[in-house]
Amino acid sequence: MIRACVIGWPISHSRSPLIHGYWLERYRIDGSYTRQPVEPSSLETFLAVLSEAGYAGCNVTIPHKEKAFDLVTAADETTERLRAVNTVFVRDGKRYGSNTDGEGFINSLQQSAPGHSLKNSRAVVLGAGGAAVAVVNAILEQGASEVVVANRTMEKAELLKQRFGSRVVPLDWSKAADQLSECSLLVNTTSLGMKGQPEITLDLSRLDPVAVVSDIVYVPLRTKLLVDAAERGNTVVEGLGMLLHQAVRGFSLWFGPTPQVTPELHTLIARDIDPDYSS
């Protein structure tokens, strides 16, 4: 049996076992994928014996992504750039780490807004935390000419400019609405709008009707930001898509097949989040 897991602290909220369990059943693989609570003080020990414990690898979530980077070998340039790991896999007894958040975001965007090109475009990203780093990098890799990063703490937004260069434009959060008229993509990478958190209050009146609005929050499935954007006629991309697509490469690395993000899987996870969901 091939074993994998997701580690974090806390970890009980993770829906990754439901996602990978669906694929294991669909591809008839003798495997398992479980949640493993790992305290920050135990992370190094857990990863050190990952293979000996019988795991082909693991997903890494809050609060371990940055520390895990220092405990494994970066598998690619993107992971080196992000200095954060969400996927660990073992090859010839050696632990490698990768980050699939960016590709998860882009593949979800392409699935929900087919034909929308980021090349030579302008994007506005709300937030400058760990998720923003992966999203900004992914947008730049797609050829965007400028990414405005709006954050309450300007120093954090400035750090993204230092990391990625002059195509990143730091901006005070209060001025975000002023930047929407020429953007083709608006992304929320903060926890605002998440269940139990305050909503985003952002005037969308200047947003181009053809712009795409994305939110990485997936509980609720459609945040107020997305509801407001959809009411204006903008194409919206829900956060659940990113969650599903970021899981694809890890499954392939551990279990073999490259799985598909199907409507059936989307509905399965959506109903776990919201029992009243109807596709």
C-alpha atoms as a PDB file:
ATOM      1  CA  MET A   1       0.000   0.000   0.000  1.00  0.00           C
ATOM      2  CA  ILE A   2       1.219   3.496  -0.904  1.00  0.00           C
ATOM      3  CA  ARG A   3       0.733   5.975   1.921  1.00  0.00           C
ATOM      4  CA  ALA A   4       0.639   9.775   1.928  1.00  0.00           C
ATOM      5  CA  CYS A   5      -0.757  12.353   4.322  1.00  0.00           C
ATOM      6  CA  VAL A   6      -1.272  16.034   5.026  1.00  0.00           C
ATOM      7  CA  ILE A   7       0.462  17.650   7.983  1.00  0.00           C
ATOM      8  CA  GLY A   8      -0.375  20.859   9.808  1.00  0.00           C
ATOM      9  CA  TRP A   9      -1.271  22.294  13.207  1.00  0.00           C
ATOM     10  CA  PRO A  10      -4.239  22.145  13.489  1.00  0.00           C
ATOM     11  CA  ILE A  11      -5.171  19.773  10.669  1.00  0.00           C
ATOM     12  CA  SER A  12      -8.694  18.517  11.431  1.00  0.00           C
ATOM     13  CA  HIS A  13     -10.220  21.020   8.969  1.00  0.00           C
ATOM     14  CA  SER A  14      -8.280  19.734   5.944  1.00  0.00           C
ATOM     15  CA  ARG A  15     -10.331  18.374   3.059  1.00  0.00           C
ATOM     16  CA  SER A  16      -7.296  16.901   1.321  1.00  0.00           C
ATOM     17  CA  PRO A  17      -8.132  13.327   2.463  1.00  0.00           C
ATOM     18  CA  LEU A  18     -11.514  13.630   0.752  1.00  0.00           C
ATOM     19  CA  ILE A  19      -9.877  14.821  -2.479  1.00  0.00           C
ATOM     20  CA  HIS A  20      -7.141  12.185  -2.595  1.00  0.00           C
ATOM     21  CA  GLY A  21      -9.491   9.481  -1.338  1.00  0.00           C
ATOM     22  CA  TYR A  22     -11.758  10.198  -4.304  1.00  0.00           C
ATOM     23  CA  TRP A  23      -8.851   9.815  -6.732  1.00  0.00           C
ATOM     24  CA  LEU A  24      -7.519   6.667  -5.029  1.00  0.00           C
ATOM     25  CA  GLU A  25     -10.918   5.060  -5.482  1.00  0.00           C
ATOM     26  CA  ARG A  26     -11.372   6.324  -9.022  1.00  0.00           C
ATOM     27  CA  TYR A  27      -7.984   4.999 -10.158  1.00  0.00           C
ATOM     28  CA  ARG A  28      -8.323   1.814  -8.079  1.00  0.00           C
ATOM     29  CA  ILE A  29      -5.036   2.363  -6.282  1.00  0.00           C
ATOM     30  CA  ASP A  30      -4.106   0.454  -3.141  1.00  0.00           C
ATOM     31  CA  GLY A  31      -3.233   3.542  -1.150  1.00  0.00           C
ATOM     32  CA  SER A  32      -4.193   5.773   1.739  1.00  0.00           C
ATOM     33  CA  TYR A  33      -4.119   9.485   2.465  1.00  0.00           C
ATOM     34  CA  THR A  34      -4.665  10.681   6.039  1.00  0.00           C
ATOM     35  CA  ARG A  35      -4.433  13.747   8.264  1.00  0.00           C
ATOM     36  CA  GLN A  36      -1.451  13.871  10.610  1.00  0.00           C
ATOM     37  CA  PRO A  37      -1.365  16.587  13.275  1.00  0.00           C
ATOM     38  CA  VAL A  38       2.236  17.761  13.625  1.00  0.00           C
ATOM     39  CA  GLU A  39       3.215  20.424  16.124  1.00  0.00           C
ATOM     40  CA  PRO A  40       5.803  22.976  14.953  1.00  0.00           C
ATOM     41  CA  SER A  41       8.352  21.548  17.391  1.00  0.00           C
ATOM     42  CA  SER A  42       7.900  18.083  15.847  1.00  0.00           C
ATOM     43  CA  LEU A  43       8.124  19.031  12.158  1.00  0.00           C
ATOM     44  CA  GLU A  44      11.825  18.302  11.675  1.00  0.00           C
ATOM     45  CA  THR A  45      11.525  14.892  13.329  1.00  0.00           C
ATOM     46  CA  PHE A  46       8.409  13.969  11.340  1.00  0.00           C
ATOM     47  CA  LEU A  47      10.026  14.812   7.988  1.00  0.00           C
ATOM     48  CA  ALA A  48      13.298  13.102   8.949  1.00  0.00           C
ATOM     49  CA  VAL A  49      11.539   9.744   9.350  1.00  0.00           C
ATOM     50  CA  LEU A  50       8.897  10.256   6.637  1.00  0.00           C
ATOM     51  CA  SER A  51      10.130   7.412   4.453  1.00  0.00           C
ATOM     52  CA  GLU A  52      10.905   5.100   7.367  1.00  0.00           C
ATOM     53  CA  ALA A  53       7.338   5.656   8.595  1.00  0.00           C
ATOM     54  CA  GLY A  54       6.094   4.290   5.284  1.00  0.00           C
ATOM     55  CA  TYR A  55       5.088   7.498   3.531  1.00  0.00           C
ATOM     56  CA  ALA A  56       5.728   8.264  -0.135  1.00  0.00           C
ATOM     57  CA  GLY A  57       5.304  11.910   0.782  1.00  0.00           C
ATOM     58  CA  CYS A  58       2.979  14.472   2.300  1.00  0.00           C
ATOM     59  CA  ASN A  59       1.213  17.743   1.824  1.00  0.00           C
ATOM     60  CA  VAL A  60       2.280  20.595   4.090  1.00  0.00           C
ATOM     61  CA  THR A  61      -0.090  23.268   5.304  1.00  0.00           C
ATOM     62  CA  ILE A  62      -0.210  26.054   7.905  1.00  0.00           C
ATOM     63  CA  PRO A  63       2.011  26.761   9.807  1.00  0.00           C
ATOM     64  CA  HIS A  64       4.756  24.557   8.326  1.00  0.00           C
ATOM     65  CA  LYS A  65       5.265  25.657   4.704  1.00  0.00           C
ATOM     66  CA  GLU A  66       8.238  27.965   5.235  1.00  0.00           C
ATOM     67  CA  LYS A  67      10.042  25.809   7.805  1.00  0.00           C
ATOM     68  CA  ALA A  68       9.570  22.707   5.648  1.00  0.00           C
ATOM     69  CA  PHE A  69      11.473  24.458   2.859  1.00  0.00           C
ATOM     70  CA  ASP A  70      14.586  24.424   5.038  1.00  0.00           C
ATOM     71  CA  LEU A  71      14.210  20.718   5.837  1.00  0.00           C
ATOM     72  CA  VAL A  72      13.964  19.270   2.315  1.00  0.00           C
ATOM     73  CA  THR A  73      15.677  19.687  -1.063  1.00  0.00           C
ATOM     74  CA  ALA A  74      13.856  22.117  -3.358  1.00  0.00           C
ATOM     75  CA  ALA A  75      12.704  20.192  -6.429  1.00  0.00           C
ATOM     76  CA  ASP A  76      12.419  23.141  -8.823  1.00  0.00           C
ATOM     77  CA  GLU A  77      13.183  26.820  -9.383  1.00  0.00           C
ATOM     78  CA  THR A  78       9.684  27.979  -8.466  1.00  0.00           C
ATOM     79  CA  THR A  79      10.003  26.412  -5.017  1.00  0.00           C
ATOM     80  CA  GLU A  80      13.439  28.015  -4.599  1.00  0.00           C
ATOM     81  CA  ARG A  81      11.893  31.371  -5.446  1.00  0.00           C
ATOM     82  CA  LEU A  82       8.931  30.973  -3.106  1.00  0.00           C
ATOM     83  CA  ARG A  83      10.947  29.443  -0.244  1.00  0.00           C
ATOM     84  CA  ALA A  84       7.834  27.574   0.863  1.00  0.00           C
ATOM     85  CA  VAL A  85       6.789  23.954   0.395  1.00  0.00           C
ATOM     86  CA  ASN A  86       3.326  22.428   0.247  1.00  0.00           C
ATOM     87  CA  THR A  87       4.239  19.058  -1.289  1.00  0.00           C
ATOM     88  CA  VAL A  88       6.979  16.671  -0.122  1.00  0.00           C
ATOM     89  CA  PHE A  89       7.923  13.486  -1.956  1.00  0.00           C
ATOM     90  CA  VAL A  90      10.604  10.852  -1.483  1.00  0.00           C
ATOM     91  CA  ARG A  91      12.934   9.653  -4.244  1.00  0.00           C
ATOM     92  CA  ASP A  92      15.769   7.183  -3.566  1.00  0.00           C
ATOM     93  CA  GLY A  93      15.492   7.896   0.133  1.00  0.00           C
ATOM     94  CA  LYS A  94      15.864  11.644  -0.311  1.00  0.00           C
ATOM     95  CA  ARG A  95      13.156  14.172   0.587  1.00  0.00           C
ATOM     96  CA  TYR A  96      12.226  16.757  -2.034  1.00  0.00           C
ATOM     97  CA  GLY A  97       9.858  19.666  -1.680  1.00  0.00           C
ATOM     98  CA  SER A  98       7.751  21.532  -4.208  1.00  0.00           C
ATOM     99  CA  ASN A  99       5.077  24.204  -4.177  1.00  0.00           C
ATOM    100  CA  THR A 100       1.952  23.629  -6.247  1.00  0.00           C
ATOM    101  CA  ASP A 101      -0.089  26.609  -5.018  1.00  0.00           C
ATOM    102  CA  GLY A 102       0.756  28.768  -8.033  1.00  0.00           C
ATOM    103  CA  GLU A 103      -0.087  26.152 -10.637  1.00  0.00           C
ATOM    104  CA  GLY A 104      -3.234  25.338  -8.676  1.00  0.00           C
ATOM    105  CA  PHE A 105      -4.281  28.974  -8.932  1.00  0.00           C
ATOM    106  CA  ILE A 106      -3.483  29.262 -12.660  1.00  0.00           C
ATOM    107  CA  ASN A 107      -5.115  25.950 -13.622  1.00  0.00           C
ATOM    108  CA  SER A 108      -8.245  26.881 -11.687  1.00  0.00           C
ATOM    109  CA  LEU A 109      -8.290  30.266 -13.424  1.00  0.00           C
ATOM    110  CA  GLN A 110      -7.942  28.632 -16.833  1.00  0.00           C
ATOM    111  CA  GLN A 111     -10.694  26.143 -16.079  1.00  0.00           C
ATOM    112  CA  SER A 112     -13.160  28.768 -14.812  1.00  0.00           C
ATOM    113  CA  ALA A 113     -12.199  31.543 -17.248  1.00  0.00           C
ATOM    114  CA  PRO A 114     -11.016  29.757 -20.402  1.00  0.00           C
ATOM    115  CA  GLY A 115      -9.352  32.035 -22.883  1.00  0.00           C
ATOM    116  CA  HIS A 116      -8.454  34.669 -20.303  1.00  0.00           C
ATOM    117  CA  SER A 117      -4.817  35.571 -20.927  1.00  0.00           C
ATOM    118  CA  LEU A 118      -2.548  37.209 -18.374  1.00  0.00           C
ATOM    119  CA  LYS A 119       0.157  38.047 -20.918  1.00  0.00           C
ATOM    120  CA  ASN A 120       0.895  41.797 -20.911  1.00  0.00           C
ATOM    121  CA  SER A 121      -2.001  42.294 -18.504  1.00  0.00           C
ATOM    122  CA  ARG A 122      -2.358  44.160 -15.231  1.00  0.00           C
ATOM    123  CA  ALA A 123      -3.510  42.424 -12.058  1.00  0.00           C
ATOM    124  CA  VAL A 124      -4.463  43.652  -8.609  1.00  0.00           C
ATOM    125  CA  VAL A 125      -3.719  41.292  -5.703  1.00  0.00           C
ATOM    126  CA  LEU A 126      -5.192  41.923  -2.263  1.00  0.00           C
ATOM    127  CA  GLY A 127      -2.847  40.839   0.513  1.00  0.00           C
ATOM    128  CA  ALA A 128       0.880  40.198   0.783  1.00  0.00           C
ATOM    129  CA  GLY A 129       1.096  37.038   2.901  1.00  0.00           C
ATOM    130  CA  GLY A 130       2.285  33.543   2.025  1.00  0.00           C
ATOM    131  CA  ALA A 131      -0.566  32.834  -0.380  1.00  0.00           C
ATOM    132  CA  ALA A 132       0.033  36.145  -2.156  1.00  0.00           C
ATOM    133  CA  VAL A 133       3.672  35.224  -2.774  1.00  0.00           C
ATOM    134  CA  ALA A 134       2.647  32.095  -4.710  1.00  0.00           C
ATOM    135  CA  VAL A 135      -0.160  33.862  -6.582  1.00  0.00           C
ATOM    136  CA  VAL A 136       1.948  36.889  -7.557  1.00  0.00           C
ATOM    137  CA  ASN A 137       4.762  34.653  -8.771  1.00  0.00           C
ATOM    138  CA  ALA A 138       2.325  32.589 -10.851  1.00  0.00           C
ATOM    139  CA  ILE A 139       0.766  35.686 -12.434  1.00  0.00           C
ATOM    140  CA  LEU A 140       4.202  37.049 -13.324  1.00  0.00           C
ATOM    141  CA  GLU A 141       5.219  33.689 -14.810  1.00  0.00           C
ATOM    142  CA  GLN A 142       2.173  33.971 -17.085  1.00  0.00           C
ATOM    143  CA  GLY A 143       3.631  37.170 -18.516  1.00  0.00           C
ATOM    144  CA  ALA A 144       1.703  39.896 -16.715  1.00  0.00           C
ATOM    145  CA  SER A 145       3.230  43.330 -17.202  1.00  0.00           C
ATOM    146  CA  GLU A 146       2.293  44.614 -13.733  1.00  0.00           C
ATOM    147  CA  VAL A 147       0.929  43.231 -10.478  1.00  0.00           C
ATOM    148  CA  VAL A 148      -0.349  45.768  -7.956  1.00  0.00           C
ATOM    149  CA  VAL A 149      -0.136  44.355  -4.408  1.00  0.00           C
ATOM    150  CA  ALA A 150      -2.472  46.124  -1.998  1.00  0.00           C
ATOM    151  CA  ASN A 151      -1.861  45.486   1.676  1.00  0.00           C
ATOM    152  CA  ARG A 152      -2.578  47.163   4.993  1.00  0.00           C
ATOM    153  CA  THR A 153       1.095  46.897   5.935  1.00  0.00           C
ATOM    154  CA  MET A 154       3.095  48.517   3.151  1.00  0.00           C
ATOM    155  CA  GLU A 155       6.335  46.937   4.327  1.00  0.00           C
ATOM    156  CA  LYS A 156       5.028  43.476   3.436  1.00  0.00           C
ATOM    157  CA  ALA A 157       3.961  44.632  -0.009  1.00  0.00           C
ATOM    158  CA  GLU A 158       7.391  46.191  -0.486  1.00  0.00           C
ATOM    159  CA  LEU A 159       8.974  42.818   0.301  1.00  0.00           C
ATOM    160  CA  LEU A 160       7.191  41.306  -2.681  1.00  0.00           C
ATOM    161  CA  LYS A 161       8.653  44.003  -4.917  1.00  0.00           C
ATOM    162  CA  GLN A 162      12.108  43.250  -3.532  1.00  0.00           C
ATOM    163  CA  ARG A 163      11.564  39.557  -4.238  1.00  0.00           C
ATOM    164  CA  PHE A 164      10.018  39.756  -7.710  1.00  0.00           C
ATOM    165  CA  GLY A 165      11.204  43.068  -9.130  1.00  0.00           C
ATOM    166  CA  SER A 166       9.785  46.216 -10.673  1.00  0.00           C
ATOM    167  CA  ARG A 167       6.692  44.576 -12.182  1.00  0.00           C
ATOM    168  CA  VAL A 168       5.305  44.421  -8.626  1.00  0.00           C
ATOM    169  CA  VAL A 169       3.790  47.719  -7.457  1.00  0.00           C
ATOM    170  CA  PRO A 170       3.153  48.002  -3.681  1.00  0.00           C
ATOM    171  CA  LEU A 171       0.012  49.909  -2.739  1.00  0.00           C
ATOM    172  CA  ASP A 172      -1.739  50.978   0.422  1.00  0.00           C
ATOM    173  CA  TRP A 173      -4.907  48.945   0.965  1.00  0.00           C
ATOM    174  CA  SER A 174      -7.112  52.051   1.086  1.00  0.00           C
ATOM    175  CA  LYS A 175      -6.220  52.893  -2.530  1.00  0.00           C
ATOM    176  CA  ALA A 176      -7.039  49.496  -4.052  1.00  0.00           C
ATOM    177  CA  ALA A 177     -10.339  50.588  -5.604  1.00  0.00           C
ATOM    178  CA  ASP A 178      -8.515  53.328  -7.529  1.00  0.00           C
ATOM    179  CA  GLN A 179      -6.461  50.699  -9.366  1.00  0.00           C
ATOM    180  CA  LEU A 180      -9.311  48.585 -10.725  1.00  0.00           C
ATOM    181  CA  SER A 181     -10.129  50.474 -13.913  1.00  0.00           C
ATOM    182  CA  GLU A 182      -7.202  49.063 -15.896  1.00  0.00           C
ATOM    183  CA  CYS A 183      -6.852  45.628 -14.345  1.00  0.00           C
ATOM    184  CA  SER A 184      -7.902  42.401 -16.047  1.00  0.00           C
ATOM    185  CA  LEU A 185      -7.636  40.280 -12.885  1.00  0.00           C
ATOM    186  CA  LEU A 186      -8.481  40.973  -9.244  1.00  0.00           C
ATOM    187  CA  VAL A 187      -7.451  38.377  -6.658  1.00  0.00           C
ATOM    188  CA  ASN A 188      -8.111  38.220  -2.931  1.00  0.00           C
ATOM    189  CA  THR A 189      -5.373  36.265  -1.135  1.00  0.00           C
ATOM    190  CA  THR A 190      -6.325  37.376   2.386  1.00  0.00           C
ATOM    191  CA  SER A 191      -8.574  35.572   4.875  1.00  0.00           C
ATOM    192  CA  LEU A 192     -11.136  38.366   4.633  1.00  0.00           C
ATOM    193  CA  GLY A 193     -14.474  36.953   3.582  1.00  0.00           C
ATOM    194  CA  MET A 194     -13.704  33.577   5.111  1.00  0.00           C
ATOM    195  CA  LYS A 195     -16.301  32.119   7.450  1.00  0.00           C
ATOM    196  CA  GLY A 196     -15.867  33.859  10.810  1.00  0.00           C
ATOM    197  CA  GLN A 197     -13.814  36.721   9.314  1.00  0.00           C
ATOM    198  CA  PRO A 198     -14.897  40.239   8.304  1.00  0.00           C
ATOM    199  CA  GLU A 199     -15.980  40.771   4.702  1.00  0.00           C
ATOM    200  CA  ILE A 200     -13.949  42.698   2.162  1.00  0.00           C
ATOM    201  CA  THR A 201     -15.412  46.133   1.571  1.00  0.00           C
ATOM    202  CA  LEU A 202     -14.174  47.142  -1.861  1.00  0.00           C
ATOM    203  CA  ASP A 203     -15.912  49.426  -4.341  1.00  0.00           C
ATOM    204  CA  LEU A 204     -15.955  47.515  -7.642  1.00  0.00           C
ATOM    205  CA  SER A 205     -17.607  50.288  -9.667  1.00  0.00           C
ATOM    206  CA  ARG A 206     -14.394  51.054 -11.590  1.00  0.00           C
ATOM    207  CA  LEU A 207     -13.711  47.418 -12.462  1.00  0.00           C
ATOM    208  CA  ASP A 208     -13.807  46.576 -16.169  1.00  0.00           C
ATOM    209  CA  PRO A 209     -16.809  44.322 -16.933  1.00  0.00           C
ATOM    210  CA  VAL A 210     -14.490  41.844 -18.685  1.00  0.00           C
ATOM    211  CA  ALA A 211     -12.107  41.563 -15.728  1.00  0.00           C
ATOM    212  CA  VAL A 212     -11.947  38.286 -13.834  1.00  0.00           C
ATOM    213  CA  VAL A 213     -12.336  38.254 -10.043  1.00  0.00           C
ATOM    214  CA  SER A 214     -10.812  35.432  -8.031  1.00  0.00           C
ATOM    215  CA  ASP A 215     -10.797  34.591  -4.333  1.00  0.00           C
ATOM    216  CA  ILE A 216      -8.635  31.893  -2.737  1.00  0.00           C
ATOM    217  CA  VAL A 217     -11.086  31.599   0.186  1.00  0.00           C
ATOM    218  CA  TYR A 218     -13.276  28.506  -0.265  1.00  0.00           C
ATOM    219  CA  VAL A 219     -15.365  28.569   2.927  1.00  0.00           C
ATOM    220  CA  PRO A 220     -17.880  29.882   2.011  1.00  0.00           C
ATOM    221  CA  LEU A 221     -17.768  28.626  -1.575  1.00  0.00           C
ATOM    222  CA  ARG A 222     -18.616  32.094  -2.872  1.00  0.00           C
ATOM    223  CA  THR A 223     -17.486  35.057  -0.808  1.00  0.00           C
ATOM    224  CA  LYS A 224     -19.213  38.439  -0.793  1.00  0.00           C
ATOM    225  CA  LEU A 225     -16.470  39.742  -3.100  1.00  0.00           C
ATOM    226  CA  LEU A 226     -17.369  37.092  -5.676  1.00  0.00           C
ATOM    227  CA  VAL A 227     -21.105  37.598  -5.212  1.00  0.00           C
ATOM    228  CA  ASP A 228     -20.702  41.349  -5.777  1.00  0.00           C
ATOM    229  CA  ALA A 229     -18.496  40.783  -8.838  1.00  0.00           C
ATOM    230  CA  ALA A 230     -20.872  38.233 -10.347  1.00  0.00           C
ATOM    231  CA  GLU A 231     -23.796  40.615  -9.902  1.00  0.00           C
ATOM    232  CA  ARG A 232     -21.864  43.141 -12.011  1.00  0.00           C
ATOM    233  CA  GLY A 233     -21.381  40.522 -14.716  1.00  0.00           C
ATOM    234  CA  ASN A 234     -17.707  39.785 -14.069  1.00  0.00           C
ATOM    235  CA  THR A 235     -16.438  36.219 -14.444  1.00  0.00           C
ATOM    236  CA  VAL A 236     -15.581  34.853 -10.990  1.00  0.00           C
ATOM    237  CA  VAL A 237     -13.215  32.083  -9.901  1.00  0.00           C
ATOM    238  CA  GLU A 238     -13.976  30.411  -6.592  1.00  0.00           C
ATOM    239  CA  GLY A 239     -11.256  29.331  -4.186  1.00  0.00           C
ATOM    240  CA  LEU A 240     -12.289  25.690  -4.239  1.00  0.00           C
ATOM    241  CA  GLY A 241     -10.820  25.349  -7.717  1.00  0.00           C
ATOM    242  CA  MET A 242      -7.353  26.274  -6.482  1.00  0.00           C
ATOM    243  CA  LEU A 243      -7.641  23.759  -3.633  1.00  0.00           C
ATOM    244  CA  LEU A 244      -8.505  20.981  -6.081  1.00  0.00           C
ATOM    245  CA  HIS A 245      -5.924  21.845  -8.726  1.00  0.00           C
ATOM    246  CA  GLN A 246      -3.026  22.293  -6.290  1.00  0.00           C
ATOM    247  CA  ALA A 247      -3.580  18.675  -5.204  1.00  0.00           C
ATOM    248  CA  VAL A 248      -3.052  17.184  -8.677  1.00  0.00           C
ATOM    249  CA  ARG A 249       0.745  17.077  -8.862  1.00  0.00           C
ATOM    250  CA  GLY A 250       1.185  15.678  -5.358  1.00  0.00           C
ATOM    251  CA  PHE A 251      -1.133  12.779  -6.153  1.00  0.00           C
ATOM    252  CA  SER A 252       0.848  12.087  -9.323  1.00  0.00           C
ATOM    253  CA  LEU A 253       4.187  12.169  -7.478  1.00  0.00           C
ATOM    254  CA  TRP A 254       3.023   9.741  -4.785  1.00  0.00           C
ATOM    255  CA  PHE A 255       0.588   7.430  -6.528  1.00  0.00           C
ATOM    256  CA  GLY A 256       1.444   7.590 -10.259  1.00  0.00           C
ATOM    257  CA  PRO A 257      -1.534   8.737 -12.351  1.00  0.00           C
ATOM    258  CA  THR A 258      -2.127  12.418 -13.073  1.00  0.00           C
ATOM    259  CA  PRO A 259      -5.695  12.858 -11.822  1.00  0.00           C
ATOM    260  CA  GLN A 260      -8.390  15.039 -13.320  1.00  0.00           C
ATOM    261  CA  VAL A 261     -10.365  17.753 -11.538  1.00  0.00           C
ATOM    262  CA  THR A 262     -13.853  16.690 -12.577  1.00  0.00           C
ATOM    263  CA  PRO A 263     -17.284  18.220 -11.921  1.00  0.00           C
ATOM    264  CA  GLU A 264     -18.032  15.146  -9.790  1.00  0.00           C
ATOM    265  CA  LEU A 265     -15.042  15.837  -7.520  1.00  0.00           C
ATOM    266  CA  HIS A 266     -15.936  19.528  -7.326  1.00  0.00           C
ATOM    267  CA  THR A 267     -19.478  18.665  -6.265  1.00  0.00           C
ATOM    268  CA  LEU A 268     -18.239  16.152  -3.669  1.00  0.00           C
ATOM    269  CA  ILE A 269     -16.025  18.709  -1.923  1.00  0.00           C
ATOM    270  CA  ALA A 270     -18.504  21.570  -2.386  1.00  0.00           C
ATOM    271  CA  ARG A 271     -21.205  19.547  -0.611  1.00  0.00           C
ATOM    272  CA  ASP A 272     -18.803  18.767   2.215  1.00  0.00           C
ATOM    273  CA  ILE A 273     -18.325  22.514   2.643  1.00  0.00           C
ATOM    274  CA  ASP A 274     -21.975  23.406   2.083  1.00  0.00           C
ATOM    275  CA  PRO A 275     -24.505  20.556   2.344  1.00  0.00           C
ATOM    276  CA  ASP A 276     -27.030  22.700   0.449  1.00  0.00           C
ATOM    277  CA  TYR A 277     -24.726  23.059  -2.573  1.00  0.00           C
ATOM    278  CA  SER A 278     -26.323  22.258  -5.913  1.00  0.00           C
ATOM    279  CA  SER A 279     -24.164  22.023  -9.018  1.00  0.00           C
END
